Protein backbone atom coordinates (compact mmCIF):
# COMPACT_ATOMS: atom_id res chain seq x y z
CA UNK A 1 -5.03 25.27 -2.28
CA UNK A 2 -4.48 24.85 1.83
CA UNK A 3 -1.67 23.10 3.55
CA UNK A 4 -3.29 20.00 4.90
CA UNK A 5 -4.21 19.56 0.84
CA UNK A 6 -0.44 20.08 0.15
CA UNK A 7 0.45 17.65 2.15
CA UNK A 8 -2.39 15.25 1.61
CA UNK A 9 -1.26 14.95 -1.85
CA UNK A 10 2.83 14.14 -0.48
CA UNK A 11 2.30 10.87 1.44
CA UNK A 12 0.85 13.06 4.51
CA UNK A 13 3.92 14.92 5.91
CA UNK A 14 3.90 16.93 8.52
CA UNK A 15 6.01 17.88 11.35
CA UNK A 16 8.59 15.96 13.39
CA UNK A 17 8.17 12.55 14.36
CA UNK A 18 7.71 13.85 18.19
CA UNK A 19 4.61 15.84 17.31
CA UNK A 20 3.16 12.57 14.83
CA UNK A 21 3.73 10.22 17.86
CA UNK A 22 1.97 12.44 20.41
CA UNK A 23 -0.90 13.00 18.23
CA UNK A 24 -1.89 9.98 16.46
CA UNK A 25 -3.15 8.31 20.03
CA UNK A 26 -6.98 9.05 18.94
CA UNK A 27 -9.54 7.67 20.53
CA UNK A 28 -11.23 4.40 18.57
CA UNK A 29 -14.63 3.39 17.20
CA UNK A 30 -15.66 0.67 18.35
CA UNK A 31 -15.87 -2.10 15.12
CA UNK A 32 -18.65 -4.95 14.68
CA UNK A 33 -18.56 -8.41 14.76
CA UNK A 34 -16.88 -9.85 11.17
CA UNK A 35 -19.84 -12.06 9.59
CA UNK A 36 -20.95 -15.14 11.42
CA UNK A 37 -19.20 -17.29 9.17
CA UNK A 38 -16.32 -16.03 9.52
CA UNK A 39 -13.71 -17.38 12.38
CA UNK A 40 -12.46 -13.93 14.64
CA UNK A 41 -8.68 -14.05 14.37
CA UNK A 42 -8.56 -12.75 17.58
CA UNK A 43 -9.79 -15.96 18.88
CA UNK A 44 -6.90 -17.79 17.63
CA UNK A 45 -3.28 -18.08 19.25
CA UNK A 46 -1.14 -14.93 19.01
CA UNK A 47 0.98 -15.32 15.69
CA UNK A 48 4.55 -14.45 16.19
CA UNK A 49 5.69 -12.17 12.93
CA UNK A 50 8.22 -14.24 10.79
CA UNK A 51 6.63 -17.77 11.36
CA UNK A 52 5.25 -18.44 7.82
CA UNK A 53 8.34 -17.60 5.18
CA UNK A 54 7.02 -18.50 1.80
CA UNK A 55 3.53 -18.86 0.02
CA UNK A 56 2.64 -21.79 -1.57
CA UNK A 57 3.13 -21.99 -5.27
CA UNK A 58 2.68 -18.87 -6.97
CA UNK A 59 0.09 -18.88 -9.95
CA UNK A 60 0.32 -16.09 -13.25
CA UNK A 61 -2.44 -14.24 -15.41
CA UNK A 62 -2.96 -12.16 -18.42
CA UNK A 63 -4.58 -8.97 -16.89
CA UNK A 64 -4.81 -5.81 -18.44
CA UNK A 65 -1.62 -4.64 -19.99
CA UNK A 66 0.44 -7.35 -17.44
CA UNK A 67 0.96 -11.05 -16.87
CA UNK A 68 0.83 -10.60 -13.10
CA UNK A 69 2.05 -12.83 -10.64
CA UNK A 70 -0.11 -13.52 -7.62
CA UNK A 71 -0.16 -15.53 -4.72
CA UNK A 72 -3.69 -17.13 -3.43
CA UNK A 73 -4.72 -18.99 -0.52
CA UNK A 74 -8.51 -19.87 0.77
CA UNK A 75 -11.72 -21.29 -0.13
CA UNK A 76 -12.11 -19.96 -4.04
CA UNK A 77 -15.90 -19.41 -3.19
CA UNK A 78 -14.97 -17.20 0.02
CA UNK A 79 -15.03 -13.34 0.10
CA UNK A 80 -12.17 -11.61 -1.75
CA UNK A 81 -9.30 -9.81 -0.30
CA UNK A 82 -6.61 -8.11 -2.28
CA UNK A 83 -3.59 -7.37 -0.52
CA UNK A 84 -1.42 -4.43 -2.30
CA UNK A 85 2.47 -3.92 -0.87
CA UNK A 86 4.14 -1.20 -1.13
CA UNK A 87 7.98 0.10 -2.44
CA UNK A 88 10.49 -1.32 -1.44
CA UNK A 89 8.31 -4.13 -0.20
CA UNK A 90 6.76 -6.86 -1.90
CA UNK A 91 4.08 -9.60 -1.76
CA UNK A 92 6.37 -11.25 1.64
CA UNK A 93 4.39 -8.10 3.40
CA UNK A 94 1.76 -10.59 3.98
CA UNK A 95 3.02 -13.88 4.60
CA UNK A 96 1.92 -14.47 7.86
CA UNK A 97 -1.45 -12.00 7.07
CA UNK A 98 -2.78 -14.76 4.18
CA UNK A 99 -2.78 -17.78 6.25
CA UNK A 100 -4.62 -15.65 8.93
CA UNK A 101 -7.53 -14.91 6.47
CA UNK A 102 -7.57 -18.21 4.58
CA UNK A 103 -7.90 -19.96 7.78
CA UNK A 104 -11.09 -17.25 8.30
CA UNK A 105 -12.54 -18.28 4.81
CA UNK A 106 -11.38 -15.77 2.66
CA UNK A 107 -9.72 -16.35 -0.25
CA UNK A 108 -6.71 -13.93 -0.75
CA UNK A 109 -4.92 -12.41 -3.80
CA UNK A 110 -1.78 -10.64 -3.12
CA UNK A 111 -0.35 -9.63 -6.36
CA UNK A 112 3.23 -8.19 -7.54
CA UNK A 113 2.83 -4.82 -8.42
CA UNK A 114 3.88 -3.81 -11.91
CA UNK A 115 7.60 -3.86 -11.69
CA UNK A 116 8.27 -6.36 -9.15
CA UNK A 117 8.88 -9.81 -9.27
CA UNK A 118 7.14 -12.44 -11.41
CA UNK A 119 5.10 -9.19 -13.03
CA UNK A 120 5.78 -8.95 -16.48
CA UNK A 121 4.24 -6.59 -19.09
CA UNK A 122 2.85 -8.42 -22.27
CA UNK A 123 4.08 -6.28 -24.81
CA UNK A 124 7.48 -4.66 -25.00
CA UNK A 125 6.23 -1.66 -26.50
CA UNK A 126 4.07 -0.44 -23.26
CA UNK A 127 5.33 2.20 -21.53
CA UNK A 128 6.44 1.63 -18.32
CA UNK A 129 4.44 4.10 -16.31
CA UNK A 130 4.45 4.54 -13.03
CA UNK A 131 1.62 6.41 -12.16
CA UNK A 132 -0.46 5.97 -8.74
CA UNK A 133 -3.59 5.66 -10.81
CA UNK A 134 -2.38 2.86 -13.29
CA UNK A 135 -1.13 0.79 -10.60
CA UNK A 136 -4.89 0.96 -9.34
CA UNK A 137 -6.44 -0.19 -13.01
CA UNK A 138 -3.86 -2.93 -12.67
CA UNK A 139 -6.03 -4.43 -9.48
CA UNK A 140 -9.15 -3.83 -11.18
CA UNK A 141 -8.05 -5.25 -14.59
CA UNK A 142 -6.84 -8.47 -11.89
CA UNK A 143 -10.18 -8.35 -10.42
CA UNK A 144 -11.43 -8.73 -13.70
CA UNK A 145 -9.08 -11.83 -14.87
CA UNK A 146 -9.73 -13.46 -11.52
CA UNK A 147 -13.86 -12.91 -11.96
CA UNK A 148 -13.94 -10.91 -8.84
CA UNK A 149 -16.59 -8.73 -8.89
CA UNK A 150 -15.74 -7.07 -5.05
CA UNK A 151 -13.31 -7.71 -3.05
CA UNK A 152 -12.33 -6.06 0.50
CA UNK A 153 -8.95 -4.23 -0.52
CA UNK A 154 -6.09 -3.62 1.77
CA UNK A 155 -2.90 -2.10 1.43
CA UNK A 156 -0.01 0.03 2.87
CA UNK A 157 2.59 2.64 0.72
CA UNK A 158 1.83 2.22 -2.66
CA UNK A 159 -0.79 -0.47 -2.02
CA UNK A 160 -2.60 1.69 -0.07
CA UNK A 161 -2.61 4.31 -2.62
CA UNK A 162 -3.79 1.80 -5.01
CA UNK A 163 -6.64 0.70 -3.03
CA UNK A 164 -7.33 4.36 -1.85
CA UNK A 165 -8.18 4.94 -5.46
CA UNK A 166 -10.24 1.94 -6.36
CA UNK A 167 -12.46 2.89 -3.39
CA UNK A 168 -12.99 6.40 -4.35
CA UNK A 169 -13.42 5.96 -7.79
CA UNK A 170 -14.77 2.40 -8.32
CA UNK A 171 -16.99 1.65 -4.85
CA UNK A 172 -18.61 -0.65 -6.42
CA UNK A 173 -15.84 -3.01 -6.69
CA UNK A 174 -14.41 -2.23 -3.42
CA UNK A 175 -16.32 -3.96 -0.31
CA UNK A 176 -14.48 -2.27 2.33
CA UNK A 177 -10.80 -0.56 2.93
CA UNK A 178 -7.91 -1.24 5.33
CA UNK A 179 -5.50 1.31 4.52
CA UNK A 180 -2.29 2.15 6.25
CA UNK A 181 -1.24 6.00 6.76
CA UNK A 182 -4.91 6.82 5.73
CA UNK A 183 -5.54 8.98 2.89
CA UNK A 184 -3.24 8.72 0.08
CA UNK A 185 -4.38 10.15 -3.12
CA UNK A 186 -2.38 13.02 -4.12
CA UNK A 187 -1.74 14.81 -7.41
CA UNK A 188 0.97 16.54 -9.32
CA UNK A 189 0.14 19.65 -8.70
CA UNK A 190 0.27 19.57 -4.61
CA UNK A 191 3.46 17.45 -5.46
CA UNK A 192 5.03 20.49 -7.28
CA UNK A 193 4.53 22.60 -4.22
CA UNK A 194 7.38 23.18 -1.58
CA UNK A 195 7.24 21.62 2.26
CA UNK A 196 8.95 22.99 5.13
CA UNK A 197 12.31 22.06 5.27
CA UNK A 198 11.94 19.00 7.41
CA UNK A 199 9.43 17.53 5.75
CA UNK A 200 11.02 17.70 2.40
CA UNK A 201 14.37 15.86 4.46
CA UNK A 202 11.97 13.06 4.61
CA UNK A 203 11.64 13.07 0.87
CA UNK A 204 15.35 12.77 0.00
CA UNK A 205 14.97 9.89 -2.17
CA UNK A 206 12.83 11.09 -4.19
CA UNK A 207 15.16 13.72 -4.94
CA UNK A 208 17.78 12.01 -6.06
CA UNK A 209 15.70 9.38 -8.18
CA UNK A 210 15.04 12.80 -9.78
CA UNK A 211 18.30 12.73 -11.03
CA UNK A 212 19.86 10.29 -13.84
CA UNK A 213 22.68 9.79 -11.09
CA UNK A 214 19.97 8.02 -9.11
CA UNK A 215 18.69 6.54 -11.58
CA UNK A 216 21.98 4.91 -11.81
CA UNK A 217 22.65 4.32 -7.84
CA UNK A 218 19.18 3.08 -7.78
CA UNK A 219 19.73 0.36 -10.81
CA UNK A 220 23.40 -0.57 -9.24
CA UNK A 221 22.60 -0.59 -5.31
CA UNK A 222 18.80 -1.70 -5.04
CA UNK A 223 18.88 -4.03 -2.75
CA UNK A 224 21.73 -2.02 -0.51
CA UNK A 225 18.82 1.31 -1.32
CA UNK A 226 16.20 -0.76 0.09
CA UNK A 227 17.84 -2.09 2.96
CA UNK A 228 18.43 1.29 4.06
CA UNK A 229 14.45 2.85 3.29
CA UNK A 230 13.54 -0.48 5.66
CA UNK A 231 15.91 0.18 8.38
CA UNK A 232 14.48 4.41 8.10
CA UNK A 233 11.03 3.43 7.58
CA UNK A 234 10.93 0.59 10.52
CA UNK A 235 13.20 1.43 13.20
CA UNK A 236 12.37 -1.09 15.82
CA UNK A 237 11.84 -3.70 13.34
CA UNK A 238 14.34 -6.18 13.85
CA UNK A 239 14.38 -8.19 10.37
CA UNK A 240 17.20 -10.51 9.49
CA UNK A 241 18.89 -10.83 6.21
CA UNK A 242 16.57 -13.89 5.24
CA UNK A 243 13.47 -12.01 5.91
CA UNK A 244 15.27 -9.34 3.65
CA UNK A 245 16.39 -10.87 0.90
CA UNK A 246 13.18 -12.93 0.32
CA UNK A 247 12.11 -9.53 -0.91
CA UNK A 248 14.68 -7.95 -2.47
CA UNK A 249 14.23 -11.11 -5.01
CA UNK A 250 10.88 -8.72 -6.03
CA UNK A 251 13.30 -5.97 -7.29
CA UNK A 252 15.25 -7.85 -9.62
CA UNK A 253 12.46 -7.41 -12.19
CA UNK A 254 13.80 -5.96 -15.44
CA UNK A 255 10.82 -3.33 -15.29
CA UNK A 256 11.78 -2.15 -11.46
CA UNK A 257 13.52 0.57 -11.20
CA UNK A 258 11.72 2.16 -14.49
CA UNK A 259 8.20 2.25 -12.69
CA UNK A 260 10.19 3.30 -9.75
CA UNK A 261 11.57 6.37 -11.24
CA UNK A 262 8.86 7.06 -12.97
CA UNK A 263 6.49 7.02 -9.95
CA UNK A 264 8.61 9.40 -8.15
CA UNK A 265 9.35 11.41 -11.06
CA UNK A 266 5.70 12.23 -11.96
CA UNK A 267 4.83 12.49 -8.24
CA UNK A 268 6.87 15.86 -8.51
CA UNK A 269 5.86 16.75 -12.30
CA UNK A 270 9.42 16.38 -13.65
CA UNK A 271 7.82 12.99 -16.32
CA UNK A 272 4.87 12.81 -18.01
CA UNK A 273 2.14 10.34 -17.72
CA UNK A 274 0.23 9.38 -20.65
CA UNK A 275 -2.42 11.32 -21.78
CA UNK A 276 -5.11 8.64 -21.50
CA UNK A 277 -5.21 9.08 -18.01
CA UNK A 278 -5.19 12.55 -17.52
CA UNK A 279 -9.39 12.44 -17.17
CA UNK A 280 -8.42 10.38 -14.36
CA UNK A 281 -5.67 12.50 -12.83
CA UNK A 282 -8.31 15.52 -12.97
CA UNK A 283 -10.74 13.47 -10.55
CA UNK A 284 -7.95 12.64 -8.47
CA UNK A 285 -7.11 15.80 -8.23
CA UNK A 286 -9.98 16.71 -6.51
CA UNK A 287 -9.72 14.99 -3.81
CA UNK A 288 -12.86 12.59 -4.08
CA UNK A 289 -14.06 11.27 -0.75
CA UNK A 290 -14.39 7.47 -0.03
CA UNK A 291 -17.61 6.23 0.74
CA UNK A 292 -16.92 2.26 1.53
CA UNK A 293 -16.28 1.16 4.88
CA UNK A 294 -12.75 1.76 6.11
CA UNK A 295 -10.30 1.00 8.71
CA UNK A 296 -7.35 3.26 8.99
CA UNK A 297 -4.20 1.54 10.27
CA UNK A 298 -0.85 3.56 11.79
CA UNK A 299 2.06 2.19 13.38
CA UNK A 300 3.19 4.09 16.50
CA UNK A 301 6.83 3.83 15.09
CA UNK A 302 6.40 4.57 11.49
CA UNK A 303 9.24 6.01 10.11
CA UNK A 304 7.75 7.05 6.84
CA UNK A 305 6.47 10.37 6.07
CA UNK A 306 2.72 10.47 7.47
CA UNK A 307 -0.12 12.36 9.13
CA UNK A 308 -2.08 12.67 11.77
CA UNK A 309 -5.25 10.66 11.12
CA UNK A 310 -7.08 13.75 12.19
CA UNK A 311 -5.80 15.45 9.01
CA UNK A 312 -7.64 12.73 6.66
CA UNK A 313 -10.53 11.01 8.91
CA UNK A 314 -12.96 13.58 7.04
CA UNK A 315 -12.27 12.54 3.52
CA UNK A 316 -13.88 9.24 4.77
CA UNK A 317 -18.12 9.55 4.45
CA UNK A 318 -18.50 5.76 5.19
CA UNK A 319 -18.54 3.70 8.31
CA UNK A 320 -14.95 4.47 10.12
CA UNK A 321 -12.45 3.54 12.52
CA UNK A 322 -8.74 4.32 13.08
CA UNK A 323 -6.04 2.55 15.14
CA UNK A 324 -2.75 2.65 16.53
CA UNK A 325 -0.69 -0.30 16.34
CA UNK A 326 1.54 0.22 19.35
CA UNK A 327 4.93 -1.87 20.38
CA UNK A 328 7.23 -0.27 17.78
CA UNK A 329 5.29 -1.05 14.66
CA UNK A 330 7.08 1.03 11.64
CA UNK A 331 6.17 1.37 7.80
CA UNK A 332 5.70 -2.35 6.78
CA UNK A 333 2.62 -2.86 9.41
CA UNK A 334 1.11 -6.15 7.72
CA UNK A 335 4.84 -7.78 8.41
CA UNK A 336 5.33 -6.10 11.75
CA UNK A 337 2.25 -6.69 13.17
CA UNK A 338 0.70 -9.54 10.84
CA UNK A 339 -2.12 -10.17 13.98
CA UNK A 340 -3.37 -6.61 13.95
CA UNK A 341 -3.79 -6.27 10.42
CA UNK A 342 -5.72 -9.67 9.97
CA UNK A 343 -8.06 -7.98 12.49
CA UNK A 344 -8.93 -4.99 10.69
CA UNK A 345 -9.61 -6.71 7.67
CA UNK A 346 -12.01 -8.85 9.32
CA UNK A 347 -13.20 -6.21 11.33
CA UNK A 348 -14.15 -3.67 8.45
CA UNK A 349 -15.74 -6.45 7.28
CA UNK A 350 -18.17 -6.23 9.67
CA UNK A 351 -18.78 -2.79 9.56
């Protein structure tokens, strides 16, 4: 296995932050206009992040193994967009994105992932599985429940992983893809391979979670832990306490700790997945290409592990463009730079 493949399996970690910022300034492919029926966010007044603080009343629906809590906005017959959040974040990462997309004519769905917010397992007997592939399957189950045949999928962190997997394995369900930090499909095999010390240092919390002390610590201090991750991953994002607490409430889900711990232990090969997903994991371990129209994004001040776009651009075989979002934008890109995120969705829809 090549060194690039190894790092691709571990959330794109390579080198120092200085090297990353020096090399991510790639030339951008010009994007086509969106569909004529869509308003272009660039034509709307500039949005200040934090303009919105809440969604309308949340909805609940049974989908697959879950009863999913989700926000929905826009025209019921508009082109569907599903926005997937990461860890340790929640649907409020998209609180400024949703109004602009709905105004542009889209039907926007923002679900709480398993283990977050009002999403619950239908059965107490279901294994609390955090495998990335299973999170992707949750997204398809939700599309089925909502009778959405095809959607634009967009996300960051765990959400980008899930969106990438759907785009790679079920392209017929994905009209287009917006993925922060690019190609995030990995495998347990890749996760077992040691990386250089500086790269391993960025994954400190993964090793903490590998211990029972780490599980107990996250259980007890999950809000403090999440705030620390926010600060490290987005060092220039001056979020206030109210902004953080709106998202932190989602971590009080009874299954949150189990899902998070299993996710990171599974990645290191320290926890088993469920056997009926083994064939799916084999396909993902091969690093499948993504053929749907794709826009990848990166914040110029992302403090989370990530690679330069040149390391993963070859995995996108359809129409493709990469953008670096400047201005001190960190890991939680849709909340820190909502206008740029909306523009990426509208533009990739017009590829």
